[in-house]
Amino acid sequence: MKWYSLLAIYLLFWTFTFFLVLPWGVQTSEEAGEALVPGQAPSAPHAPRLRRKLVVTTLIATAGFLLFWANWEQEWVTRAEFFALFFDPAKPR
């Protein structure tokens, strides 16, 4: 696989993981016991901790991508085996 394909797939892993990690540990100002800033939405996170979430996202996405890449190289699970999990190979499509 070419390097730019690997980069694109890694970025997909990273983006998907970021949206999964983003809501972890979120508290509104009301839940944290703080007053709202004028103009602030009541649902806005009090302390989003983005730096920590970026690190966690990078670690999880890298681990997932490395598993994907190793499977691609070693062919532990082929496409035919993967699709056989969801579709009956005896039935024509």
C-alpha atoms as a PDB file:
ATOM      1  CA  MET A   1       0.000   0.000   0.000  1.00  0.00           C
ATOM      2  CA  LYS A   2       1.313   3.464  -0.836  1.00  0.00           C
ATOM      3  CA  TRP A   3       2.291   5.888   1.931  1.00  0.00           C
ATOM      4  CA  TYR A   4      -0.423   8.411   1.073  1.00  0.00           C
ATOM      5  CA  SER A   5      -3.083   5.699   1.250  1.00  0.00           C
ATOM      6  CA  LEU A   6      -1.776   4.731   4.680  1.00  0.00           C
ATOM      7  CA  LEU A   7      -1.834   8.386   5.753  1.00  0.00           C
ATOM      8  CA  ALA A   8      -5.426   8.830   4.549  1.00  0.00           C
ATOM      9  CA  ILE A   9      -6.539   5.681   6.392  1.00  0.00           C
ATOM     10  CA  TYR A  10      -4.722   6.802   9.566  1.00  0.00           C
ATOM     11  CA  LEU A  11      -6.468  10.175   9.389  1.00  0.00           C
ATOM     12  CA  LEU A  12      -9.807   8.389   9.085  1.00  0.00           C
ATOM     13  CA  PHE A  13      -8.969   6.294  12.150  1.00  0.00           C
ATOM     14  CA  TRP A  14      -7.864   9.414  14.023  1.00  0.00           C
ATOM     15  CA  THR A  15     -10.954  11.474  13.133  1.00  0.00           C
ATOM     16  CA  PHE A  16     -13.368   8.662  13.983  1.00  0.00           C
ATOM     17  CA  THR A  17     -11.599   8.052  17.292  1.00  0.00           C
ATOM     18  CA  PHE A  18     -11.573  11.774  18.127  1.00  0.00           C
ATOM     19  CA  PHE A  19     -15.360  11.962  17.806  1.00  0.00           C
ATOM     20  CA  LEU A  20     -15.657   8.903  20.045  1.00  0.00           C
ATOM     21  CA  VAL A  21     -13.307  10.353  22.700  1.00  0.00           C
ATOM     22  CA  LEU A  22     -14.669  13.911  22.593  1.00  0.00           C
ATOM     23  CA  PRO A  23     -17.636  13.406  24.978  1.00  0.00           C
ATOM     24  CA  TRP A  24     -15.615  11.501  27.618  1.00  0.00           C
ATOM     25  CA  GLY A  25     -15.701  13.244  31.000  1.00  0.00           C
ATOM     26  CA  VAL A  26     -17.606  16.321  29.812  1.00  0.00           C
ATOM     27  CA  GLN A  27     -19.318  18.403  32.494  1.00  0.00           C
ATOM     28  CA  THR A  28     -21.376  21.520  31.994  1.00  0.00           C
ATOM     29  CA  SER A  29     -20.751  24.555  34.191  1.00  0.00           C
ATOM     30  CA  GLU A  30     -23.913  23.726  36.116  1.00  0.00           C
ATOM     31  CA  GLU A  31     -22.667  20.177  36.827  1.00  0.00           C
ATOM     32  CA  ALA A  32     -19.283  21.566  37.880  1.00  0.00           C
ATOM     33  CA  GLY A  33     -20.971  24.060  40.236  1.00  0.00           C
ATOM     34  CA  GLU A  34     -19.717  27.142  38.372  1.00  0.00           C
ATOM     35  CA  ALA A  35     -21.652  30.180  37.185  1.00  0.00           C
ATOM     36  CA  LEU A  36     -22.317  30.621  33.478  1.00  0.00           C
ATOM     37  CA  VAL A  37     -20.375  33.282  31.591  1.00  0.00           C
ATOM     38  CA  PRO A  38     -22.720  35.798  29.927  1.00  0.00           C
ATOM     39  CA  GLY A  39     -23.603  34.499  26.458  1.00  0.00           C
ATOM     40  CA  GLN A  40     -22.471  30.942  27.230  1.00  0.00           C
ATOM     41  CA  ALA A  41     -24.734  28.090  26.154  1.00  0.00           C
ATOM     42  CA  PRO A  42     -25.904  26.051  29.161  1.00  0.00           C
ATOM     43  CA  SER A  43     -24.743  22.868  27.409  1.00  0.00           C
ATOM     44  CA  ALA A  44     -21.188  24.118  26.784  1.00  0.00           C
ATOM     45  CA  PRO A  45     -18.484  22.040  28.495  1.00  0.00           C
ATOM     46  CA  HIS A  46     -16.918  23.624  31.559  1.00  0.00           C
ATOM     47  CA  ALA A  47     -13.396  22.246  31.022  1.00  0.00           C
ATOM     48  CA  PRO A  48     -13.142  20.237  27.783  1.00  0.00           C
ATOM     49  CA  ARG A  49      -9.535  19.012  28.421  1.00  0.00           C
ATOM     50  CA  LEU A  50      -8.753  18.941  24.701  1.00  0.00           C
ATOM     51  CA  ARG A  51      -5.008  18.378  25.082  1.00  0.00           C
ATOM     52  CA  ARG A  52      -5.629  15.167  27.043  1.00  0.00           C
ATOM     53  CA  LYS A  53      -8.274  14.050  24.545  1.00  0.00           C
ATOM     54  CA  LEU A  54      -5.876  14.667  21.636  1.00  0.00           C
ATOM     55  CA  VAL A  55      -3.261  12.458  23.291  1.00  0.00           C
ATOM     56  CA  VAL A  56      -5.778   9.695  24.067  1.00  0.00           C
ATOM     57  CA  THR A  57      -7.168   9.924  20.531  1.00  0.00           C
ATOM     58  CA  THR A  58      -3.699   9.623  19.026  1.00  0.00           C
ATOM     59  CA  LEU A  59      -2.846   6.582  21.155  1.00  0.00           C
ATOM     60  CA  ILE A  60      -6.091   4.737  20.415  1.00  0.00           C
ATOM     61  CA  ALA A  61      -6.100   5.632  16.705  1.00  0.00           C
ATOM     62  CA  THR A  62      -2.460   4.558  16.323  1.00  0.00           C
ATOM     63  CA  ALA A  63      -3.133   1.206  18.003  1.00  0.00           C
ATOM     64  CA  GLY A  64      -6.202   0.611  15.822  1.00  0.00           C
ATOM     65  CA  PHE A  65      -4.371   1.656  12.670  1.00  0.00           C
ATOM     66  CA  LEU A  66      -1.407  -0.610  13.460  1.00  0.00           C
ATOM     67  CA  LEU A  67      -3.788  -3.547  13.892  1.00  0.00           C
ATOM     68  CA  PHE A  68      -5.428  -2.669  10.568  1.00  0.00           C
ATOM     69  CA  TRP A  69      -2.071  -2.358   8.816  1.00  0.00           C
ATOM     70  CA  ALA A  70      -0.741  -5.621  10.299  1.00  0.00           C
ATOM     71  CA  ASN A  71      -3.900  -7.409   9.161  1.00  0.00           C
ATOM     72  CA  TRP A  72      -3.483  -5.904   5.686  1.00  0.00           C
ATOM     73  CA  GLU A  73       0.108  -7.140   5.462  1.00  0.00           C
ATOM     74  CA  GLN A  74      -0.346 -10.534   7.155  1.00  0.00           C
ATOM     75  CA  GLU A  75      -3.887 -11.246   5.843  1.00  0.00           C
ATOM     76  CA  TRP A  76      -5.148 -12.620   9.139  1.00  0.00           C
ATOM     77  CA  VAL A  77      -8.734 -11.879   8.090  1.00  0.00           C
ATOM     78  CA  THR A  78      -9.307 -11.628   4.345  1.00  0.00           C
ATOM     79  CA  ARG A  79     -12.096  -9.685   2.669  1.00  0.00           C
ATOM     80  CA  ALA A  80     -13.890 -12.908   1.780  1.00  0.00           C
ATOM     81  CA  GLU A  81     -13.782 -14.091   5.405  1.00  0.00           C
ATOM     82  CA  PHE A  82     -14.976 -10.698   6.634  1.00  0.00           C
ATOM     83  CA  PHE A  83     -17.938 -10.587   4.250  1.00  0.00           C
ATOM     84  CA  ALA A  84     -18.793 -14.211   5.057  1.00  0.00           C
ATOM     85  CA  LEU A  85     -19.545 -13.030   8.618  1.00  0.00           C
ATOM     86  CA  PHE A  86     -22.391 -10.845   7.330  1.00  0.00           C
ATOM     87  CA  PHE A  87     -23.525 -12.550   4.137  1.00  0.00           C
ATOM     88  CA  ASP A  88     -24.165 -16.214   3.368  1.00  0.00           C
ATOM     89  CA  PRO A  89     -21.553 -17.151   0.748  1.00  0.00           C
ATOM     90  CA  ALA A  90     -23.843 -19.905  -0.604  1.00  0.00           C
ATOM     91  CA  LYS A  91     -26.525 -17.379  -1.600  1.00  0.00           C
ATOM     92  CA  PRO A  92     -25.912 -15.410  -4.770  1.00  0.00           C
ATOM     93  CA  ARG A  93     -26.234 -11.665  -4.436  1.00  0.00           C
END
